[in-house]
Amino acid sequence: TLKEEKDVVDGKLARLRKSSKELEDIIESRRPAERPTTNKAKFVKAAERPTTGKVETAKKPAVRYAEMYKRTSKRSTVRGNQR
Protein backbone atom coordinates (compact mmCIF):
# COMPACT_ATOMS: atom_id res chain seq x y z
CA THR A 1 0.00 0.00 0.00
CA LEU A 2 2.94 2.32 0.56
CA LYS A 3 3.87 1.92 -3.10
CA GLU A 4 0.30 2.77 -4.14
CA GLU A 5 0.28 5.90 -1.98
CA LYS A 6 3.63 6.93 -3.46
CA ASP A 7 2.23 6.48 -6.98
CA VAL A 8 -0.83 8.59 -6.07
CA VAL A 9 1.34 11.36 -4.60
CA ASP A 10 3.70 11.26 -7.60
CA GLY A 11 0.71 11.55 -9.97
CA LYS A 12 -0.64 14.55 -8.04
CA LEU A 13 2.79 16.16 -8.04
CA ALA A 14 3.15 15.67 -11.81
CA ARG A 15 -0.29 17.23 -12.44
CA LEU A 16 0.53 20.13 -10.11
CA ARG A 17 3.82 20.83 -11.90
CA LYS A 18 2.09 20.70 -15.30
CA SER A 19 -0.68 23.08 -14.24
CA SER A 20 1.89 25.38 -12.61
CA LYS A 21 3.87 25.51 -15.86
CA GLU A 22 0.67 26.27 -17.81
CA LEU A 23 -0.18 29.10 -15.41
CA GLU A 24 3.30 30.57 -15.79
CA ASP A 25 2.92 30.45 -19.58
CA ILE A 26 -0.46 32.22 -19.40
CA ILE A 27 0.90 34.91 -17.08
CA GLU A 28 3.94 35.41 -19.31
CA SER A 29 1.75 35.78 -22.42
CA ARG A 30 -0.42 38.41 -20.66
CA ARG A 31 2.56 40.42 -19.49
CA PRO A 32 3.35 43.33 -21.84
CA ALA A 33 6.66 43.11 -23.61
CA GLU A 34 9.22 45.40 -22.07
CA ARG A 35 9.87 48.22 -24.48
CA PRO A 36 12.99 50.30 -24.30
CA THR A 37 11.88 53.74 -23.20
CA THR A 38 13.88 56.89 -23.51
CA ASN A 39 11.90 58.70 -20.81
CA LYS A 40 13.21 56.76 -17.85
CA ALA A 41 13.81 58.86 -14.77
CA LYS A 42 17.42 59.33 -13.91
CA PHE A 43 18.31 59.83 -10.29
CA VAL A 44 21.12 62.29 -9.86
CA LYS A 45 22.86 63.17 -6.64
CA ALA A 46 22.10 66.66 -5.38
CA ALA A 47 24.92 69.11 -5.87
CA GLU A 48 26.91 69.49 -2.72
CA ARG A 49 26.88 73.06 -1.47
CA PRO A 50 29.10 74.42 1.22
CA THR A 51 27.14 75.25 4.35
CA THR A 52 29.72 77.65 5.73
CA GLY A 53 28.09 80.76 4.20
CA LYS A 54 24.67 79.97 5.63
CA VAL A 55 23.00 82.86 7.43
CA GLU A 56 20.07 82.18 9.71
CA THR A 57 17.15 84.59 9.52
CA ALA A 58 15.93 85.75 12.90
CA LYS A 59 12.25 85.35 13.67
CA LYS A 60 10.31 88.57 13.84
CA PRO A 61 8.89 89.22 17.29
CA ALA A 62 5.14 88.80 17.75
CA VAL A 63 4.96 92.15 19.56
CA ARG A 64 5.38 94.03 16.31
CA TYR A 65 2.45 92.14 14.80
CA ALA A 66 0.28 92.99 17.81
CA GLU A 67 1.22 96.66 17.62
CA MET A 68 0.39 96.77 13.95
CA TYR A 69 -3.18 95.61 14.51
CA LYS A 70 -3.81 97.35 17.83
CA ARG A 71 -6.90 99.55 17.91
CA THR A 72 -5.91 103.15 18.41
CA SER A 73 -9.36 104.44 19.33
CA LYS A 74 -10.92 103.26 22.58
CA ARG A 75 -14.41 103.81 21.16
CA SER A 76 -16.76 100.82 21.01
CA THR A 77 -17.09 99.21 17.60
CA VAL A 78 -20.67 98.03 18.08
CA ARG A 79 -22.78 98.87 15.05
CA GLY A 80 -26.42 98.46 14.23
CA ASN A 81 -28.81 96.45 16.38
CA GLN A 82 -26.22 94.71 18.56
CA ARG A 83 -26.11 94.66 22.34
PDB file of N, CA and C in Angstrom:
ATOM      1  N   THR A   1       0.819  -1.207   0.000  1.00  0.00           N
ATOM      2  CA  THR A   1       0.000   0.000   0.000  1.00  0.00           C
ATOM      3  C   THR A   1       0.856   1.262   0.000  1.00  0.00           C
ATOM      4  N   LEU A   2       2.048   1.168   0.574  1.00  0.00           N
ATOM      5  CA  LEU A   2       2.940   2.323   0.561  1.00  0.00           C
ATOM      6  C   LEU A   2       3.318   2.693  -0.867  1.00  0.00           C
ATOM      7  N   LYS A   3       3.527   1.676  -1.703  1.00  0.00           N
ATOM      8  CA  LYS A   3       3.874   1.924  -3.104  1.00  0.00           C
ATOM      9  C   LYS A   3       2.704   2.597  -3.822  1.00  0.00           C
ATOM     10  N   GLU A   4       1.480   2.170  -3.517  1.00  0.00           N
ATOM     11  CA  GLU A   4       0.298   2.766  -4.143  1.00  0.00           C
ATOM     12  C   GLU A   4       0.153   4.239  -3.736  1.00  0.00           C
ATOM     13  N   GLU A   5       0.357   4.515  -2.451  1.00  0.00           N
ATOM     14  CA  GLU A   5       0.281   5.899  -1.981  1.00  0.00           C
ATOM     15  C   GLU A   5       1.343   6.763  -2.642  1.00  0.00           C
ATOM     16  N   LYS A   6       2.540   6.188  -2.807  1.00  0.00           N
ATOM     17  CA  LYS A   6       3.628   6.930  -3.460  1.00  0.00           C
ATOM     18  C   LYS A   6       3.255   7.240  -4.902  1.00  0.00           C
ATOM     19  N   ASP A   7       2.656   6.263  -5.594  1.00  0.00           N
ATOM     20  CA  ASP A   7       2.233   6.475  -6.977  1.00  0.00           C
ATOM     21  C   ASP A   7       1.165   7.570  -7.059  1.00  0.00           C
ATOM     22  N   VAL A   8       0.231   7.570  -6.095  1.00  0.00           N
ATOM     23  CA  VAL A   8      -0.827   8.592  -6.073  1.00  0.00           C
ATOM     24  C   VAL A   8      -0.211   9.973  -5.860  1.00  0.00           C
ATOM     25  N   VAL A   9       0.702  10.075  -4.897  1.00  0.00           N
ATOM     26  CA  VAL A   9       1.342  11.358  -4.605  1.00  0.00           C
ATOM     27  C   VAL A   9       2.176  11.818  -5.794  1.00  0.00           C
ATOM     28  N   ASP A  10       2.895  10.897  -6.427  1.00  0.00           N
ATOM     29  CA  ASP A  10       3.699  11.256  -7.604  1.00  0.00           C
ATOM     30  C   ASP A  10       2.809  11.751  -8.741  1.00  0.00           C
ATOM     31  N   GLY A  11       1.643  11.122  -8.926  1.00  0.00           N
ATOM     32  CA  GLY A  11       0.712  11.552  -9.967  1.00  0.00           C
ATOM     33  C   GLY A  11       0.186  12.954  -9.687  1.00  0.00           C
ATOM     34  N   LYS A  12      -0.158  13.207  -8.414  1.00  0.00           N
ATOM     35  CA  LYS A  12      -0.639  14.546  -8.040  1.00  0.00           C
ATOM     36  C   LYS A  12       0.442  15.592  -8.249  1.00  0.00           C
ATOM     37  N   LEU A  13       1.674  15.233  -7.876  1.00  0.00           N
ATOM     38  CA  LEU A  13       2.789  16.162  -8.038  1.00  0.00           C
ATOM     39  C   LEU A  13       3.029  16.481  -9.509  1.00  0.00           C
ATOM     40  N   ALA A  14       2.943  15.473 -10.369  1.00  0.00           N
ATOM     41  CA  ALA A  14       3.149  15.675 -11.805  1.00  0.00           C
ATOM     42  C   ALA A  14       2.072  16.600 -12.369  1.00  0.00           C
ATOM     43  N   ARG A  15       0.796  16.364 -11.959  1.00  0.00           N
ATOM     44  CA  ARG A  15      -0.292  17.235 -12.439  1.00  0.00           C
ATOM     45  C   ARG A  15      -0.118  18.664 -11.934  1.00  0.00           C
ATOM     46  N   LEU A  16       0.319  18.801 -10.683  1.00  0.00           N
ATOM     47  CA  LEU A  16       0.531  20.127 -10.107  1.00  0.00           C
ATOM     48  C   LEU A  16       1.627  20.879 -10.852  1.00  0.00           C
ATOM     49  N   ARG A  17       2.720  20.182 -11.153  1.00  0.00           N
ATOM     50  CA  ARG A  17       3.817  20.827 -11.903  1.00  0.00           C
ATOM     51  C   ARG A  17       3.361  21.246 -13.292  1.00  0.00           C
ATOM     52  N   LYS A  18       2.565  20.384 -13.953  1.00  0.00           N
ATOM     53  CA  LYS A  18       2.087  20.696 -15.301  1.00  0.00           C
ATOM     54  C   LYS A  18       1.177  21.924 -15.271  1.00  0.00           C
ATOM     55  N   SER A  19       0.241  21.943 -14.309  1.00  0.00           N
ATOM     56  CA  SER A  19      -0.682  23.084 -14.237  1.00  0.00           C
ATOM     57  C   SER A  19       0.062  24.357 -13.835  1.00  0.00           C
ATOM     58  N   SER A  20       1.083  24.219 -12.994  1.00  0.00           N
ATOM     59  CA  SER A  20       1.885  25.375 -12.608  1.00  0.00           C
ATOM     60  C   SER A  20       2.612  25.949 -13.820  1.00  0.00           C
ATOM     61  N   LYS A  21       3.163  25.063 -14.654  1.00  0.00           N
ATOM     62  CA  LYS A  21       3.870  25.510 -15.863  1.00  0.00           C
ATOM     63  C   LYS A  21       2.898  26.205 -16.810  1.00  0.00           C
ATOM     64  N   GLU A  22       1.676  25.651 -16.938  1.00  0.00           N
ATOM     65  CA  GLU A  22       0.674  26.267 -17.806  1.00  0.00           C
ATOM     66  C   GLU A  22       0.290  27.657 -17.294  1.00  0.00           C
ATOM     67  N   LEU A  23       0.146  27.786 -15.982  1.00  0.00           N
ATOM     68  CA  LEU A  23      -0.181  29.096 -15.409  1.00  0.00           C
ATOM     69  C   LEU A  23       0.931  30.102 -15.669  1.00  0.00           C
ATOM     70  N   GLU A  24       2.174  29.671 -15.516  1.00  0.00           N
ATOM     71  CA  GLU A  24       3.299  30.572 -15.786  1.00  0.00           C
ATOM     72  C   GLU A  24       3.297  31.027 -17.237  1.00  0.00           C
ATOM     73  N   ASP A  25       2.977  30.094 -18.163  1.00  0.00           N
ATOM     74  CA  ASP A  25       2.924  30.452 -19.584  1.00  0.00           C
ATOM     75  C   ASP A  25       1.816  31.469 -19.853  1.00  0.00           C
ATOM     76  N   ILE A  26       0.656  31.281 -19.211  1.00  0.00           N
ATOM     77  CA  ILE A  26      -0.459  32.219 -19.399  1.00  0.00           C
ATOM     78  C   ILE A  26      -0.083  33.598 -18.865  1.00  0.00           C
ATOM     79  N   ILE A  27       0.504  33.624 -17.680  1.00  0.00           N
ATOM     80  CA  ILE A  27       0.905  34.906 -17.084  1.00  0.00           C
ATOM     81  C   ILE A  27       1.940  35.596 -17.959  1.00  0.00           C
ATOM     82  N   GLU A  28       2.885  34.841 -18.464  1.00  0.00           N
ATOM     83  CA  GLU A  28       3.938  35.411 -19.313  1.00  0.00           C
ATOM     84  C   GLU A  28       3.352  35.967 -20.606  1.00  0.00           C
ATOM     85  N   SER A  29       2.337  35.296 -21.168  1.00  0.00           N
ATOM     86  CA  SER A  29       1.745  35.780 -22.416  1.00  0.00           C
ATOM     87  C   SER A  29       0.924  37.045 -22.180  1.00  0.00           C
ATOM     88  N   ARG A  30       0.370  37.218 -20.982  1.00  0.00           N
ATOM     89  CA  ARG A  30      -0.416  38.412 -20.663  1.00  0.00           C
ATOM     90  C   ARG A  30       0.459  39.609 -20.324  1.00  0.00           C
ATOM     91  N   ARG A  31       1.668  39.344 -19.903  1.00  0.00           N
ATOM     92  CA  ARG A  31       2.564  40.420 -19.485  1.00  0.00           C
ATOM     93  C   ARG A  31       3.008  41.214 -20.717  1.00  0.00           C
ATOM     94  N   PRO A  32       2.926  42.538 -20.681  1.00  0.00           N
ATOM     95  CA  PRO A  32       3.353  43.327 -21.843  1.00  0.00           C
ATOM     96  C   PRO A  32       4.861  43.212 -22.041  1.00  0.00           C
ATOM     97  N   ALA A  33       5.235  43.202 -23.301  1.00  0.00           N
ATOM     98  CA  ALA A  33       6.662  43.113 -23.613  1.00  0.00           C
ATOM     99  C   ALA A  33       7.352  44.387 -23.146  1.00  0.00           C
ATOM    100  N   GLU A  34       8.503  44.231 -22.576  1.00  0.00           N
ATOM    101  CA  GLU A  34       9.222  45.402 -22.071  1.00  0.00           C
ATOM    102  C   GLU A  34       9.816  46.158 -23.255  1.00  0.00           C
ATOM    103  N   ARG A  35       9.381  47.396 -23.374  1.00  0.00           N
ATOM    104  CA  ARG A  35       9.869  48.219 -24.476  1.00  0.00           C
ATOM    105  C   ARG A  35      10.947  49.152 -23.965  1.00  0.00           C
ATOM    106  N   PRO A  36      11.968  49.341 -24.742  1.00  0.00           N
ATOM    107  CA  PRO A  36      12.992  50.298 -24.298  1.00  0.00           C
ATOM    108  C   PRO A  36      12.426  51.714 -24.358  1.00  0.00           C
ATOM    109  N   THR A  37      12.413  52.381 -23.241  1.00  0.00           N
ATOM    110  CA  THR A  37      11.884  53.739 -23.201  1.00  0.00           C
ATOM    111  C   THR A  37      13.028  54.720 -23.033  1.00  0.00           C
ATOM    112  N   THR A  38      12.851  55.862 -23.623  1.00  0.00           N
ATOM    113  CA  THR A  38      13.883  56.894 -23.508  1.00  0.00           C
ATOM    114  C   THR A  38      13.544  57.865 -22.394  1.00  0.00           C
ATOM    115  N   ASN A  39      12.335  57.750 -21.826  1.00  0.00           N
ATOM    116  CA  ASN A  39      11.896  58.700 -20.809  1.00  0.00           C
ATOM    117  C   ASN A  39      12.077  58.171 -19.391  1.00  0.00           C
ATOM    118  N   LYS A  40      13.008  57.290 -19.198  1.00  0.00           N
ATOM    119  CA  LYS A  40      13.214  56.758 -17.850  1.00  0.00           C
ATOM    120  C   LYS A  40      13.793  57.839 -16.960  1.00  0.00           C
ATOM    121  N   ALA A  41      13.339  57.860 -15.724  1.00  0.00           N
ATOM    122  CA  ALA A  41      13.808  58.861 -14.768  1.00  0.00           C
ATOM    123  C   ALA A  41      15.231  58.528 -14.353  1.00  0.00           C
ATOM    124  N   LYS A  42      16.050  59.519 -14.354  1.00  0.00           N
ATOM    125  CA  LYS A  42      17.422  59.333 -13.911  1.00  0.00           C
ATOM    126  C   LYS A  42      17.572  60.009 -12.564  1.00  0.00           C
ATOM    127  N   PHE A  43      18.111  59.282 -11.614  1.00  0.00           N
ATOM    128  CA  PHE A  43      18.308  59.829 -10.287  1.00  0.00           C
ATOM    129  C   PHE A  43      19.726  60.357 -10.190  1.00  0.00           C
ATOM    130  N   VAL A  44      19.822  61.630  -9.918  1.00  0.00           N
ATOM    131  CA  VAL A  44      21.118  62.285  -9.856  1.00  0.00           C
ATOM    132  C   VAL A  44      21.336  62.771  -8.434  1.00  0.00           C
ATOM    133  N   LYS A  45      22.559  62.683  -7.981  1.00  0.00           N
ATOM    134  CA  LYS A  45      22.860  63.169  -6.639  1.00  0.00           C
ATOM    135  C   LYS A  45      22.744  64.688  -6.618  1.00  0.00           C
ATOM    136  N   ALA A  46      22.231  65.210  -5.527  1.00  0.00           N
ATOM    137  CA  ALA A  46      22.102  66.655  -5.381  1.00  0.00           C
ATOM    138  C   ALA A  46      23.494  67.267  -5.307  1.00  0.00           C
ATOM    139  N   ALA A  47      23.622  68.432  -5.892  1.00  0.00           N
ATOM    140  CA  ALA A  47      24.916  69.107  -5.873  1.00  0.00           C
ATOM    141  C   ALA A  47      25.273  69.471  -4.441  1.00  0.00           C
ATOM    142  N   GLU A  48      26.483  69.174  -4.086  1.00  0.00           N
ATOM    143  CA  GLU A  48      26.909  69.486  -2.722  1.00  0.00           C
ATOM    144  C   GLU A  48      27.249  70.966  -2.632  1.00  0.00           C
ATOM    145  N   ARG A  49      26.640  71.627  -1.661  1.00  0.00           N
ATOM    146  CA  ARG A  49      26.877  73.057  -1.473  1.00  0.00           C
ATOM    147  C   ARG A  49      27.541  73.269  -0.127  1.00  0.00           C
ATOM    148  N   PRO A  50      28.477  74.158  -0.081  1.00  0.00           N
ATOM    149  CA  PRO A  50      29.101  74.421   1.221  1.00  0.00           C
ATOM    150  C   PRO A  50      28.110  75.107   2.154  1.00  0.00           C
ATOM    151  N   THR A  51      28.086  74.677   3.400  1.00  0.00           N
ATOM    152  CA  THR A  51      27.138  75.247   4.353  1.00  0.00           C
ATOM    153  C   THR A  51      27.789  76.312   5.223  1.00  0.00           C
ATOM    154  N   THR A  52      29.018  76.682   4.893  1.00  0.00           N
ATOM    155  CA  THR A  52      29.719  77.653   5.733  1.00  0.00           C
ATOM    156  C   THR A  52      29.134  79.044   5.600  1.00  0.00           C
ATOM    157  N   GLY A  53      28.610  79.413   4.421  1.00  0.00           N
ATOM    158  CA  GLY A  53      28.090  80.760   4.202  1.00  0.00           C
ATOM    159  C   GLY A  53      26.622  80.884   4.547  1.00  0.00           C
ATOM    160  N   LYS A  54      26.091  79.969   5.318  1.00  0.00           N
ATOM    161  CA  LYS A  54      24.666  79.968   5.627  1.00  0.00           C
ATOM    162  C   LYS A  54      24.363  80.986   6.727  1.00  0.00           C
ATOM    163  N   VAL A  55      23.389  81.835   6.465  1.00  0.00           N
ATOM    164  CA  VAL A  55      23.003  82.858   7.433  1.00  0.00           C
ATOM    165  C   VAL A  55      21.585  82.548   7.890  1.00  0.00           C
ATOM    166  N   GLU A  56      21.399  82.453   9.189  1.00  0.00           N
ATOM    167  CA  GLU A  56      20.065  82.179   9.706  1.00  0.00           C
ATOM    168  C   GLU A  56      19.275  83.474   9.809  1.00  0.00           C
ATOM    169  N   THR A  57      18.006  83.408   9.414  1.00  0.00           N
ATOM    170  CA  THR A  57      17.150  84.586   9.524  1.00  0.00           C
ATOM    171  C   THR A  57      16.475  84.557  10.882  1.00  0.00           C
ATOM    172  N   ALA A  58      16.531  85.664  11.565  1.00  0.00           N
ATOM    173  CA  ALA A  58      15.934  85.754  12.900  1.00  0.00           C
ATOM    174  C   ALA A  58      14.433  85.876  12.770  1.00  0.00           C
ATOM    175  N   LYS A  59      13.705  85.253  13.687  1.00  0.00           N
ATOM    176  CA  LYS A  59      12.246  85.352  13.669  1.00  0.00           C
ATOM    177  C   LYS A  59      11.834  86.739  14.123  1.00  0.00           C
ATOM    178  N   LYS A  60      10.813  87.251  13.463  1.00  0.00           N
ATOM    179  CA  LYS A  60      10.310  88.568  13.837  1.00  0.00           C
ATOM    180  C   LYS A  60       9.497  88.422  15.114  1.00  0.00           C
ATOM    181  N   PRO A  61       9.638  89.336  16.032  1.00  0.00           N
ATOM    182  CA  PRO A  61       8.891  89.220  17.291  1.00  0.00           C
ATOM    183  C   PRO A  61       7.396  89.418  17.070  1.00  0.00           C
ATOM    184  N   ALA A  62       6.599  88.725  17.866  1.00  0.00           N
ATOM    185  CA  ALA A  62       5.145  88.803  17.750  1.00  0.00           C
ATOM    186  C   ALA A  62       4.617  90.139  18.238  1.00  0.00           C
ATOM    187  N   VAL A  63       5.403  90.860  19.022  1.00  0.00           N
ATOM    188  CA  VAL A  63       4.963  92.147  19.562  1.00  0.00           C
ATOM    189  C   VAL A  63       4.707  93.128  18.433  1.00  0.00           C
ATOM    190  N   ARG A  64       5.544  93.108  17.430  1.00  0.00           N
ATOM    191  CA  ARG A  64       5.385  94.029  16.313  1.00  0.00           C
ATOM    192  C   ARG A  64       4.059  93.762  15.603  1.00  0.00           C
ATOM    193  N   TYR A  65       3.718  92.511  15.434  1.00  0.00           N
ATOM    194  CA  TYR A  65       2.453  92.144  14.804  1.00  0.00           C
ATOM    195  C   TYR A  65       1.281  92.668  15.624  1.00  0.00           C
ATOM    196  N   ALA A  66       1.358  92.519  16.943  1.00  0.00           N
ATOM    197  CA  ALA A  66       0.276  92.989  17.812  1.00  0.00           C
ATOM    198  C   ALA A  66       0.139  94.500  17.744  1.00  0.00           C
ATOM    199  N   GLU A  67       1.267  95.197  17.702  1.00  0.00           N
ATOM    200  CA  GLU A  67       1.224  96.664  17.622  1.00  0.00           C
ATOM    201  C   GLU A  67       0.618  97.117  16.311  1.00  0.00           C
ATOM    202  N   MET A  68       0.876  96.384  15.264  1.00  0.00           N
ATOM    203  CA  MET A  68       0.395  96.771  13.948  1.00  0.00           C
ATOM    204  C   MET A  68      -1.136  96.737  13.896  1.00  0.00           C
ATOM    205  N   TYR A  69      -1.741  95.769  14.580  1.00  0.00           N
ATOM    206  CA  TYR A  69      -3.182  95.614  14.512  1.00  0.00           C
ATOM    207  C   TYR A  69      -3.898  96.124  15.754  1.00  0.00           C
ATOM    208  N   LYS A  70      -3.211  96.831  16.601  1.00  0.00           N
ATOM    209  CA  LYS A  70      -3.813  97.352  17.825  1.00  0.00           C
ATOM    210  C   LYS A  70      -4.790  98.478  17.475  1.00  0.00           C
ATOM    211  N   ARG A  71      -5.939  98.473  18.146  1.00  0.00           N
ATOM    212  CA  ARG A  71      -6.903  99.546  17.913  1.00  0.00           C
ATOM    213  C   ARG A  71      -6.396 100.807  18.586  1.00  0.00           C
ATOM    214  N   THR A  72      -6.377 101.891  17.846  1.00  0.00           N
ATOM    215  CA  THR A  72      -5.905 103.155  18.411  1.00  0.00           C
ATOM    216  C   THR A  72      -7.019 103.893  19.125  1.00  0.00           C
ATOM    217  N   SER A  73      -8.258 103.734  18.659  1.00  0.00           N
ATOM    218  CA  SER A  73      -9.363 104.437  19.328  1.00  0.00           C
ATOM    219  C   SER A  73      -9.974 103.500  20.358  1.00  0.00           C
ATOM    220  N   LYS A  74     -10.345 104.058  21.498  1.00  0.00           N
ATOM    221  CA  LYS A  74     -10.923 103.263  22.576  1.00  0.00           C
ATOM    222  C   LYS A  74     -12.442 103.190  22.451  1.00  0.00           C
ATOM    223  N   ARG A  75     -12.969 103.775  21.370  1.00  0.00           N
ATOM    224  CA  ARG A  75     -14.408 103.809  21.157  1.00  0.00           C
ATOM    225  C   ARG A  75     -14.931 102.404  20.860  1.00  0.00           C
ATOM    226  N   SER A  76     -16.145 102.111  21.253  1.00  0.00           N
ATOM    227  CA  SER A  76     -16.763 100.818  21.006  1.00  0.00           C
ATOM    228  C   SER A  76     -17.025 100.653  19.512  1.00  0.00           C
ATOM    229  N   THR A  77     -16.880  99.449  19.030  1.00  0.00           N
ATOM    230  CA  THR A  77     -17.087  99.212  17.597  1.00  0.00           C
ATOM    231  C   THR A  77     -18.425  98.550  17.317  1.00  0.00           C
ATOM    232  N   VAL A  78     -19.362  98.640  18.267  1.00  0.00           N
ATOM    233  CA  VAL A  78     -20.674  98.028  18.083  1.00  0.00           C
ATOM    234  C   VAL A  78     -21.452  98.850  17.078  1.00  0.00           C
ATOM    235  N   ARG A  79     -22.013  98.172  16.087  1.00  0.00           N
ATOM    236  CA  ARG A  79     -22.779  98.868  15.052  1.00  0.00           C
ATOM    237  C   ARG A  79     -24.155  98.236  14.937  1.00  0.00           C
ATOM    238  N   GLY A  80     -25.099  98.994  14.519  1.00  0.00           N
ATOM    239  CA  GLY A  80     -26.421  98.465  14.234  1.00  0.00           C
ATOM    240  C   GLY A  80     -27.172  98.008  15.465  1.00  0.00           C
ATOM    241  N   ASN A  81     -27.908  96.920  15.330  1.00  0.00           N
ATOM    242  CA  ASN A  81     -28.807  96.449  16.376  1.00  0.00           C
ATOM    243  C   ASN A  81     -28.123  95.387  17.241  1.00  0.00           C
ATOM    244  N   GLN A  82     -26.945  95.665  17.726  1.00  0.00           N
ATOM    245  CA  GLN A  82     -26.220  94.711  18.564  1.00  0.00           C
ATOM    246  C   GLN A  82     -26.228  95.179  19.999  1.00  0.00           C
ATOM    247  N   ARG A  83     -26.146  94.298  20.925  1.00  0.00           N
ATOM    248  CA  ARG A  83     -26.111  94.663  22.342  1.00  0.00           C
ATOM    249  C   ARG A  83     -24.748  94.389  22.897  1.00  0.00           C
TER     250      ARG A  83
END
